[in-house]
Amino acid sequence: MRFPELSFGTPRKLPKASELRGRVVVLDIAFAAEGTGTTFEKVTGKLIAGLGTRLAMWVDHHDHALHAEWRKDPRFILSTKAEHGACPEMVTPEIVARAGVVDTIVCHVDFDGLMSAAKWIRGGTEPYPGADDDARAIDTRTGEPSELARAIDRALRARPRDDAMKGLVVRFLAEGATDTGLRAQIREAATLMRKLEDAARELATRYQVDEHAGVAICDARGVRVTYDKTELLLLGQERAKISLVHDDSTVTLAAGFESGIDFLALLGI
């Protein structure tokens, strides 16, 4: 099995084209959205232009107004989240074969992105039965992922800046998710997230619901404990259609996968 080099990115922060070796595939990274402090031209477009013919394929499932334009280029396999709740199910043997040999995989930093990378390395086959379903459940926060998927997701969220952990997860999945030593390292990291989730559940008692606006608001200003914000937002969504967490530096909003809410439009951004 051939392992390309790995590089990790987000829609707002992508590696420089000059840092990426050879032919490159980009997986599960949305086009930069206008109104978020970044622009397509400055981030996504810059990487595309910098790679030029070295860009083998870009596979993504996040909605964007520019998808229609870029689908004209056969290297861009783009869908909406309604069409594909997660990216790995778009990584098929046919797509991998069409792209040809790649030297570098650029992928998103979450479970969905790393699973996509592992599946690409495996030629488009799942690391284990039900892996695509797990990715969809984790990325949409709907359905019930397997116990293994939960552990991997927790490990990644517990150590979000640890690229070594991301690489370990891709290797574990690409090799068929059978290495007991790697599994033990993942489970050890996952235990850290359980503590953060417990702290989030405690903070969730602060939620106040505005029934008219359909918003559950948690005032987390002044909180000195470390907690998992994703879990806290999900707990808010159990109380109202939109959950909002206000901490000392940011206001974060979230809504369910099938809510149909466009926050950029809602906020007039």
C-alpha atoms as a PDB file:
ATOM      1  CA  MET A   1       0.000   0.000   0.000  1.00  0.00           C
ATOM      2  CA  ARG A   2       1.406   3.378  -1.038  1.00  0.00           C
ATOM      3  CA  PHE A   3       1.194   6.168   1.556  1.00  0.00           C
ATOM      4  CA  PRO A   4       1.244   9.689   0.083  1.00  0.00           C
ATOM      5  CA  GLU A   5       2.426  12.579   2.217  1.00  0.00           C
ATOM      6  CA  LEU A   6      -0.282  14.118   4.406  1.00  0.00           C
ATOM      7  CA  SER A   7      -1.068  17.790   4.903  1.00  0.00           C
ATOM      8  CA  PHE A   8      -3.922  19.098   7.041  1.00  0.00           C
ATOM      9  CA  GLY A   9      -6.033  22.174   6.419  1.00  0.00           C
ATOM     10  CA  THR A  10      -9.310  23.974   6.967  1.00  0.00           C
ATOM     11  CA  PRO A  11     -11.415  26.157   4.654  1.00  0.00           C
ATOM     12  CA  ARG A  12      -9.846  29.262   6.180  1.00  0.00           C
ATOM     13  CA  LYS A  13      -6.273  27.984   6.491  1.00  0.00           C
ATOM     14  CA  LEU A  14      -4.710  25.975   3.702  1.00  0.00           C
ATOM     15  CA  PRO A  15      -1.079  24.995   3.151  1.00  0.00           C
ATOM     16  CA  LYS A  16       0.955  26.841   0.547  1.00  0.00           C
ATOM     17  CA  ALA A  17       1.164  25.161  -2.829  1.00  0.00           C
ATOM     18  CA  SER A  18       4.969  25.414  -2.648  1.00  0.00           C
ATOM     19  CA  GLU A  19       4.927  23.244   0.492  1.00  0.00           C
ATOM     20  CA  LEU A  20       3.083  20.376  -1.201  1.00  0.00           C
ATOM     21  CA  ARG A  21       5.002  17.718  -3.120  1.00  0.00           C
ATOM     22  CA  GLY A  22       4.048  16.432  -6.539  1.00  0.00           C
ATOM     23  CA  ARG A  23       0.464  15.765  -7.586  1.00  0.00           C
ATOM     24  CA  VAL A  24      -2.060  16.718  -4.921  1.00  0.00           C
ATOM     25  CA  VAL A  25      -5.610  15.670  -4.004  1.00  0.00           C
ATOM     26  CA  VAL A  26      -7.714  17.816  -1.650  1.00  0.00           C
ATOM     27  CA  LEU A  27     -10.383  16.049   0.427  1.00  0.00           C
ATOM     28  CA  ASP A  28     -13.261  17.358   2.555  1.00  0.00           C
ATOM     29  CA  ILE A  29     -12.117  20.987   2.540  1.00  0.00           C
ATOM     30  CA  ALA A  30     -14.861  23.486   1.731  1.00  0.00           C
ATOM     31  CA  PHE A  31     -14.288  26.505  -0.450  1.00  0.00           C
ATOM     32  CA  ALA A  32     -13.693  29.575   1.710  1.00  0.00           C
ATOM     33  CA  ALA A  33     -16.955  31.399   2.396  1.00  0.00           C
ATOM     34  CA  GLU A  34     -17.394  35.112   1.863  1.00  0.00           C
ATOM     35  CA  GLY A  35     -18.084  37.129   5.000  1.00  0.00           C
ATOM     36  CA  THR A  36     -15.920  35.023   7.323  1.00  0.00           C
ATOM     37  CA  GLY A  37     -12.801  37.167   7.181  1.00  0.00           C
ATOM     38  CA  THR A  38     -11.439  35.120   4.283  1.00  0.00           C
ATOM     39  CA  THR A  39     -12.359  34.966   0.614  1.00  0.00           C
ATOM     40  CA  PHE A  40     -12.281  32.313  -2.069  1.00  0.00           C
ATOM     41  CA  GLU A  41      -9.687  34.299  -4.035  1.00  0.00           C
ATOM     42  CA  LYS A  42      -7.323  34.730  -1.092  1.00  0.00           C
ATOM     43  CA  VAL A  43      -7.501  31.163   0.228  1.00  0.00           C
ATOM     44  CA  THR A  44      -9.099  28.482  -1.964  1.00  0.00           C
ATOM     45  CA  GLY A  45      -8.372  30.144  -5.284  1.00  0.00           C
ATOM     46  CA  LYS A  46      -4.794  30.874  -4.265  1.00  0.00           C
ATOM     47  CA  LEU A  47      -4.113  27.188  -3.594  1.00  0.00           C
ATOM     48  CA  ILE A  48      -5.784  26.099  -6.835  1.00  0.00           C
ATOM     49  CA  ALA A  49      -3.786  28.600  -8.857  1.00  0.00           C
ATOM     50  CA  GLY A  50      -0.561  27.735  -7.036  1.00  0.00           C
ATOM     51  CA  LEU A  51      -0.941  24.026  -7.712  1.00  0.00           C
ATOM     52  CA  GLY A  52      -1.952  24.465 -11.347  1.00  0.00           C
ATOM     53  CA  THR A  53      -1.734  21.166 -13.204  1.00  0.00           C
ATOM     54  CA  ARG A  54      -0.389  19.468 -10.059  1.00  0.00           C
ATOM     55  CA  LEU A  55      -3.921  19.484  -8.606  1.00  0.00           C
ATOM     56  CA  ALA A  56      -5.161  15.973  -9.349  1.00  0.00           C
ATOM     57  CA  MET A  57      -8.608  16.261  -7.757  1.00  0.00           C
ATOM     58  CA  TRP A  58     -10.665  18.210  -5.220  1.00  0.00           C
ATOM     59  CA  VAL A  59     -13.472  16.244  -3.513  1.00  0.00           C
ATOM     60  CA  ASP A  60     -15.848  18.044  -1.147  1.00  0.00           C
ATOM     61  CA  HIS A  61     -19.442  17.972   0.106  1.00  0.00           C
ATOM     62  CA  HIS A  62     -19.979  21.458   1.569  1.00  0.00           C
ATOM     63  CA  ASP A  63     -22.406  23.897  -0.071  1.00  0.00           C
ATOM     64  CA  HIS A  64     -20.867  26.863  -1.867  1.00  0.00           C
ATOM     65  CA  ALA A  65     -22.129  29.335  -4.461  1.00  0.00           C
ATOM     66  CA  LEU A  66     -19.104  28.725  -6.700  1.00  0.00           C
ATOM     67  CA  HIS A  67     -19.595  24.972  -7.012  1.00  0.00           C
ATOM     68  CA  ALA A  68     -21.512  25.297 -10.283  1.00  0.00           C
ATOM     69  CA  GLU A  69     -18.600  27.127 -11.889  1.00  0.00           C
ATOM     70  CA  TRP A  70     -15.884  24.758 -10.720  1.00  0.00           C
ATOM     71  CA  ARG A  71     -17.800  21.583 -11.572  1.00  0.00           C
ATOM     72  CA  LYS A  72     -17.010  22.430 -15.205  1.00  0.00           C
ATOM     73  CA  ASP A  73     -13.465  21.278 -14.381  1.00  0.00           C
ATOM     74  CA  PRO A  74     -13.539  17.440 -14.188  1.00  0.00           C
ATOM     75  CA  ARG A  75     -10.981  17.490 -11.383  1.00  0.00           C
ATOM     76  CA  PHE A  76     -13.587  18.967  -9.017  1.00  0.00           C
ATOM     77  CA  ILE A  77     -16.005  16.440  -7.509  1.00  0.00           C
ATOM     78  CA  LEU A  78     -18.367  18.688  -5.543  1.00  0.00           C
ATOM     79  CA  SER A  79     -21.724  18.108  -3.878  1.00  0.00           C
ATOM     80  CA  THR A  80     -23.970  19.638  -1.253  1.00  0.00           C
ATOM     81  CA  LYS A  81     -24.177  18.325   2.278  1.00  0.00           C
ATOM     82  CA  ALA A  82     -27.769  17.286   1.585  1.00  0.00           C
ATOM     83  CA  GLU A  83     -26.510  15.068  -1.239  1.00  0.00           C
ATOM     84  CA  HIS A  84     -23.615  13.626   0.761  1.00  0.00           C
ATOM     85  CA  GLY A  85     -23.632  14.038   4.524  1.00  0.00           C
ATOM     86  CA  ALA A  86     -19.955  13.104   4.652  1.00  0.00           C
ATOM     87  CA  CYS A  87     -17.046  13.120   2.221  1.00  0.00           C
ATOM     88  CA  PRO A  88     -15.752   9.510   2.447  1.00  0.00           C
ATOM     89  CA  GLU A  89     -18.777   8.148   0.599  1.00  0.00           C
ATOM     90  CA  MET A  90     -17.687  10.307  -2.368  1.00  0.00           C
ATOM     91  CA  VAL A  91     -14.222   8.702  -2.396  1.00  0.00           C
ATOM     92  CA  THR A  92     -14.935   5.720  -4.636  1.00  0.00           C
ATOM     93  CA  PRO A  93     -12.573   3.348  -6.473  1.00  0.00           C
ATOM     94  CA  GLU A  94     -13.612   5.013  -9.727  1.00  0.00           C
ATOM     95  CA  ILE A  95     -12.714   8.504  -8.456  1.00  0.00           C
ATOM     96  CA  VAL A  96      -9.357   7.360  -7.070  1.00  0.00           C
ATOM     97  CA  ALA A  97      -8.508   5.570 -10.306  1.00  0.00           C
ATOM     98  CA  ARG A  98      -9.493   8.582 -12.391  1.00  0.00           C
ATOM     99  CA  ALA A  99      -7.204  10.877 -10.383  1.00  0.00           C
ATOM    100  CA  GLY A 100      -4.194   8.639 -10.928  1.00  0.00           C
ATOM    101  CA  VAL A 101      -1.118   8.549  -8.720  1.00  0.00           C
ATOM    102  CA  VAL A 102      -0.954  11.345  -6.124  1.00  0.00           C
ATOM    103  CA  ASP A 103       2.015  12.310  -3.994  1.00  0.00           C
ATOM    104  CA  THR A 104       0.241  14.419  -1.357  1.00  0.00           C
ATOM    105  CA  ILE A 105      -3.184  14.344   0.289  1.00  0.00           C
ATOM    106  CA  VAL A 106      -4.513  17.579   1.771  1.00  0.00           C
ATOM    107  CA  CYS A 107      -7.470  16.805   4.027  1.00  0.00           C
ATOM    108  CA  HIS A 108      -9.661  18.396   6.651  1.00  0.00           C
ATOM    109  CA  VAL A 109      -8.625  17.917  10.272  1.00  0.00           C
ATOM    110  CA  ASP A 110     -11.733  16.111  11.551  1.00  0.00           C
ATOM    111  CA  PHE A 111     -12.955  12.501  11.500  1.00  0.00           C
ATOM    112  CA  ASP A 112     -14.630  13.019   8.130  1.00  0.00           C
ATOM    113  CA  GLY A 113     -11.499  14.389   6.492  1.00  0.00           C
ATOM    114  CA  LEU A 114      -9.105  11.827   7.931  1.00  0.00           C
ATOM    115  CA  MET A 115     -11.430   8.977   7.010  1.00  0.00           C
ATOM    116  CA  SER A 116     -11.514  10.372   3.460  1.00  0.00           C
ATOM    117  CA  ALA A 117      -7.709  10.349   3.351  1.00  0.00           C
ATOM    118  CA  ALA A 118      -7.518   6.776   4.643  1.00  0.00           C
ATOM    119  CA  LYS A 119     -10.120   5.616   2.153  1.00  0.00           C
ATOM    120  CA  TRP A 120      -8.201   7.300  -0.686  1.00  0.00           C
ATOM    121  CA  ILE A 121      -5.018   5.483   0.355  1.00  0.00           C
ATOM    122  CA  ARG A 122      -6.996   2.226   0.295  1.00  0.00           C
ATOM    123  CA  GLY A 123      -8.048   2.877  -3.289  1.00  0.00           C
ATOM    124  CA  GLY A 124     -11.604   3.894  -2.405  1.00  0.00           C
ATOM    125  CA  THR A 125     -12.566   0.996  -0.126  1.00  0.00           C
ATOM    126  CA  GLU A 126     -13.785   1.416   3.455  1.00  0.00           C
ATOM    127  CA  PRO A 127     -11.260   0.813   6.265  1.00  0.00           C
ATOM    128  CA  TYR A 128     -13.897  -1.341   7.961  1.00  0.00           C
ATOM    129  CA  PRO A 129     -17.532  -2.244   7.227  1.00  0.00           C
ATOM    130  CA  GLY A 130     -19.783   0.714   8.023  1.00  0.00           C
ATOM    131  CA  ALA A 131     -17.002   3.320   7.968  1.00  0.00           C
ATOM    132  CA  ASP A 132     -18.903   5.550   5.519  1.00  0.00           C
ATOM    133  CA  ASP A 133     -21.987   5.393   7.754  1.00  0.00           C
ATOM    134  CA  ASP A 134     -19.835   6.299  10.756  1.00  0.00           C
ATOM    135  CA  ALA A 135     -18.410   9.333   8.941  1.00  0.00           C
ATOM    136  CA  ARG A 136     -21.904  10.508   8.056  1.00  0.00           C
ATOM    137  CA  ALA A 137     -23.137  10.075  11.633  1.00  0.00           C
ATOM    138  CA  ILE A 138     -20.142  11.924  13.094  1.00  0.00           C
ATOM    139  CA  ASP A 139     -20.152  14.773  10.581  1.00  0.00           C
ATOM    140  CA  THR A 140     -23.894  15.426  10.659  1.00  0.00           C
ATOM    141  CA  ARG A 141     -24.287  14.590  14.374  1.00  0.00           C
ATOM    142  CA  THR A 142     -27.243  12.399  13.442  1.00  0.00           C
ATOM    143  CA  GLY A 143     -27.609   8.661  13.841  1.00  0.00           C
ATOM    144  CA  GLU A 144     -25.451   6.399  15.986  1.00  0.00           C
ATOM    145  CA  PRO A 145     -21.776   5.975  15.087  1.00  0.00           C
ATOM    146  CA  SER A 146     -19.914   2.865  16.163  1.00  0.00           C
ATOM    147  CA  GLU A 147     -17.995   2.771  19.419  1.00  0.00           C
ATOM    148  CA  LEU A 148     -14.725   2.879  17.447  1.00  0.00           C
ATOM    149  CA  ALA A 149     -15.808   5.970  15.526  1.00  0.00           C
ATOM    150  CA  ARG A 150     -16.779   7.710  18.755  1.00  0.00           C
ATOM    151  CA  ALA A 151     -13.357   6.964  20.210  1.00  0.00           C
ATOM    152  CA  ILE A 152     -11.541   8.338  17.160  1.00  0.00           C
ATOM    153  CA  ASP A 153     -13.719  11.458  17.087  1.00  0.00           C
ATOM    154  CA  ARG A 154     -13.110  12.062  20.793  1.00  0.00           C
ATOM    155  CA  ALA A 155      -9.360  11.579  20.390  1.00  0.00           C
ATOM    156  CA  LEU A 156      -9.206  14.131  17.575  1.00  0.00           C
ATOM    157  CA  ARG A 157     -11.288  16.698  19.448  1.00  0.00           C
ATOM    158  CA  ALA A 158      -9.237  16.188  22.611  1.00  0.00           C
ATOM    159  CA  ARG A 159      -6.007  16.957  20.725  1.00  0.00           C
ATOM    160  CA  PRO A 160      -7.084  19.270  17.871  1.00  0.00           C
ATOM    161  CA  ARG A 161      -3.610  20.721  17.231  1.00  0.00           C
ATOM    162  CA  ASP A 162      -1.770  17.395  17.359  1.00  0.00           C
ATOM    163  CA  ASP A 163      -0.842  16.523  13.771  1.00  0.00           C
ATOM    164  CA  ALA A 164       0.890  13.368  14.993  1.00  0.00           C
ATOM    165  CA  MET A 165      -2.463  12.114  16.304  1.00  0.00           C
ATOM    166  CA  LYS A 166      -4.096  12.923  12.956  1.00  0.00           C
ATOM    167  CA  GLY A 167      -1.388  10.983  11.138  1.00  0.00           C
ATOM    168  CA  LEU A 168      -1.786   8.074  13.554  1.00  0.00           C
ATOM    169  CA  VAL A 169      -5.537   7.959  12.877  1.00  0.00           C
ATOM    170  CA  VAL A 170      -5.041   7.961   9.093  1.00  0.00           C
ATOM    171  CA  ARG A 171      -2.475   5.168   9.361  1.00  0.00           C
ATOM    172  CA  PHE A 172      -4.714   3.131  11.688  1.00  0.00           C
ATOM    173  CA  LEU A 173      -7.676   3.452   9.318  1.00  0.00           C
ATOM    174  CA  ALA A 174      -5.691   2.973   6.105  1.00  0.00           C
ATOM    175  CA  GLU A 175      -4.282  -0.287   7.446  1.00  0.00           C
ATOM    176  CA  GLY A 176      -7.779  -1.602   8.167  1.00  0.00           C
ATOM    177  CA  ALA A 177      -8.321  -0.439  11.772  1.00  0.00           C
ATOM    178  CA  THR A 178      -6.848  -3.628  13.227  1.00  0.00           C
ATOM    179  CA  ASP A 179      -3.606  -2.464  14.891  1.00  0.00           C
ATOM    180  CA  THR A 180      -4.211  -2.928  18.637  1.00  0.00           C
ATOM    181  CA  GLY A 181      -1.306  -0.685  19.600  1.00  0.00           C
ATOM    182  CA  LEU A 182      -2.611   2.255  17.578  1.00  0.00           C
ATOM    183  CA  ARG A 183      -6.137   1.582  18.837  1.00  0.00           C
ATOM    184  CA  ALA A 184      -4.890   1.805  22.434  1.00  0.00           C
ATOM    185  CA  GLN A 185      -3.269   5.194  21.756  1.00  0.00           C
ATOM    186  CA  ILE A 186      -6.525   6.461  20.253  1.00  0.00           C
ATOM    187  CA  ARG A 187      -8.566   5.258  23.223  1.00  0.00           C
ATOM    188  CA  GLU A 188      -6.135   6.873  25.665  1.00  0.00           C
ATOM    189  CA  ALA A 189      -6.549  10.242  23.950  1.00  0.00           C
ATOM    190  CA  ALA A 190     -10.326   9.744  23.842  1.00  0.00           C
ATOM    191  CA  THR A 191     -10.508   9.549  27.647  1.00  0.00           C
ATOM    192  CA  LEU A 192      -9.391  13.189  27.799  1.00  0.00           C
ATOM    193  CA  MET A 193     -12.437  14.241  25.782  1.00  0.00           C
ATOM    194  CA  ARG A 194     -14.822  12.471  28.147  1.00  0.00           C
ATOM    195  CA  LYS A 195     -13.757  14.892  30.875  1.00  0.00           C
ATOM    196  CA  LEU A 196     -14.376  17.866  28.586  1.00  0.00           C
ATOM    197  CA  GLU A 197     -17.797  16.484  27.663  1.00  0.00           C
ATOM    198  CA  ASP A 198     -18.663  16.114  31.350  1.00  0.00           C
ATOM    199  CA  ALA A 199     -17.731  19.783  31.858  1.00  0.00           C
ATOM    200  CA  ALA A 200     -19.941  20.745  28.897  1.00  0.00           C
ATOM    201  CA  ARG A 201     -22.903  18.885  30.404  1.00  0.00           C
ATOM    202  CA  GLU A 202     -22.421  20.805  33.631  1.00  0.00           C
ATOM    203  CA  LEU A 203     -22.319  24.110  31.734  1.00  0.00           C
ATOM    204  CA  ALA A 204     -25.459  23.178  29.810  1.00  0.00           C
ATOM    205  CA  THR A 205     -27.481  23.875  32.956  1.00  0.00           C
ATOM    206  CA  ARG A 206     -26.880  27.577  32.178  1.00  0.00           C
ATOM    207  CA  TYR A 207     -28.919  27.478  28.961  1.00  0.00           C
ATOM    208  CA  GLN A 208     -31.808  29.941  28.769  1.00  0.00           C
ATOM    209  CA  VAL A 209     -34.317  29.432  25.951  1.00  0.00           C
ATOM    210  CA  ASP A 210     -35.868  32.282  23.984  1.00  0.00           C
ATOM    211  CA  GLU A 211     -38.989  30.507  22.731  1.00  0.00           C
ATOM    212  CA  HIS A 212     -39.960  33.330  20.378  1.00  0.00           C
ATOM    213  CA  ALA A 213     -36.573  33.385  18.621  1.00  0.00           C
ATOM    214  CA  GLY A 214     -36.073  29.624  18.863  1.00  0.00           C
ATOM    215  CA  VAL A 215     -32.629  30.076  20.411  1.00  0.00           C
ATOM    216  CA  ALA A 216     -31.034  28.412  23.434  1.00  0.00           C
ATOM    217  CA  ILE A 217     -28.395  30.735  24.910  1.00  0.00           C
ATOM    218  CA  CYS A 218     -25.561  29.692  27.209  1.00  0.00           C
ATOM    219  CA  ASP A 219     -23.595  32.457  28.918  1.00  0.00           C
ATOM    220  CA  ALA A 220     -20.153  30.917  29.430  1.00  0.00           C
ATOM    221  CA  ARG A 221     -18.339  34.154  30.207  1.00  0.00           C
ATOM    222  CA  GLY A 222     -15.994  33.868  33.120  1.00  0.00           C
ATOM    223  CA  VAL A 223     -15.858  30.064  32.955  1.00  0.00           C
ATOM    224  CA  ARG A 224     -12.427  28.842  33.974  1.00  0.00           C
ATOM    225  CA  VAL A 225     -12.841  25.131  33.283  1.00  0.00           C
ATOM    226  CA  THR A 226     -11.991  23.593  29.915  1.00  0.00           C
ATOM    227  CA  TYR A 227     -15.003  22.148  28.126  1.00  0.00           C
ATOM    228  CA  ASP A 228     -15.989  20.757  24.725  1.00  0.00           C
ATOM    229  CA  LYS A 229     -17.850  23.506  22.885  1.00  0.00           C
ATOM    230  CA  THR A 230     -19.196  21.109  20.241  1.00  0.00           C
ATOM    231  CA  GLU A 231     -20.874  19.031  22.932  1.00  0.00           C
ATOM    232  CA  LEU A 232     -22.216  22.153  24.628  1.00  0.00           C
ATOM    233  CA  LEU A 233     -23.730  23.396  21.350  1.00  0.00           C
ATOM    234  CA  LEU A 234     -25.305  19.993  20.668  1.00  0.00           C
ATOM    235  CA  LEU A 235     -26.874  20.032  24.133  1.00  0.00           C
ATOM    236  CA  GLY A 236     -28.312  23.452  23.322  1.00  0.00           C
ATOM    237  CA  GLN A 237     -29.860  22.076  20.140  1.00  0.00           C
ATOM    238  CA  GLU A 238     -31.824  19.649  22.309  1.00  0.00           C
ATOM    239  CA  ARG A 239     -33.548  22.698  23.790  1.00  0.00           C
ATOM    240  CA  ALA A 240     -34.068  24.888  20.703  1.00  0.00           C
ATOM    241  CA  LYS A 241     -33.504  24.939  16.948  1.00  0.00           C
ATOM    242  CA  ILE A 242     -30.471  27.207  17.342  1.00  0.00           C
ATOM    243  CA  SER A 243     -27.922  27.021  20.141  1.00  0.00           C
ATOM    244  CA  LEU A 244     -25.666  29.927  21.059  1.00  0.00           C
ATOM    245  CA  VAL A 245     -22.641  29.936  23.355  1.00  0.00           C
ATOM    246  CA  HIS A 246     -21.237  33.277  24.496  1.00  0.00           C
ATOM    247  CA  ASP A 247     -17.781  33.003  26.074  1.00  0.00           C
ATOM    248  CA  ASP A 248     -15.219  35.663  26.925  1.00  0.00           C
ATOM    249  CA  SER A 249     -14.053  36.163  23.329  1.00  0.00           C
ATOM    250  CA  THR A 250     -16.587  34.718  20.896  1.00  0.00           C
ATOM    251  CA  VAL A 251     -20.235  34.066  20.154  1.00  0.00           C
ATOM    252  CA  THR A 252     -20.783  30.686  18.512  1.00  0.00           C
ATOM    253  CA  LEU A 253     -24.032  29.559  16.900  1.00  0.00           C
ATOM    254  CA  ALA A 254     -25.049  26.109  15.726  1.00  0.00           C
ATOM    255  CA  ALA A 255     -28.088  24.389  14.265  1.00  0.00           C
ATOM    256  CA  GLY A 256     -28.902  20.838  13.303  1.00  0.00           C
ATOM    257  CA  PHE A 257     -27.778  19.297  10.015  1.00  0.00           C
ATOM    258  CA  GLU A 258     -31.316  19.235   8.608  1.00  0.00           C
ATOM    259  CA  SER A 259     -32.414  22.615   9.990  1.00  0.00           C
ATOM    260  CA  GLY A 260     -32.015  24.439   6.680  1.00  0.00           C
ATOM    261  CA  ILE A 261     -30.672  27.500   8.529  1.00  0.00           C
ATOM    262  CA  ASP A 262     -28.137  29.664   6.664  1.00  0.00           C
ATOM    263  CA  PHE A 263     -26.374  31.668   9.343  1.00  0.00           C
ATOM    264  CA  LEU A 264     -24.699  34.002   6.850  1.00  0.00           C
ATOM    265  CA  ALA A 265     -28.093  34.947   5.433  1.00  0.00           C
ATOM    266  CA  LEU A 266     -29.693  35.058   8.890  1.00  0.00           C
ATOM    267  CA  LEU A 267     -27.070  37.475  10.170  1.00  0.00           C
ATOM    268  CA  GLY A 268     -26.956  39.519   6.982  1.00  0.00           C
ATOM    269  CA  ILE A 269     -23.294  38.724   6.330  1.00  0.00           C
END
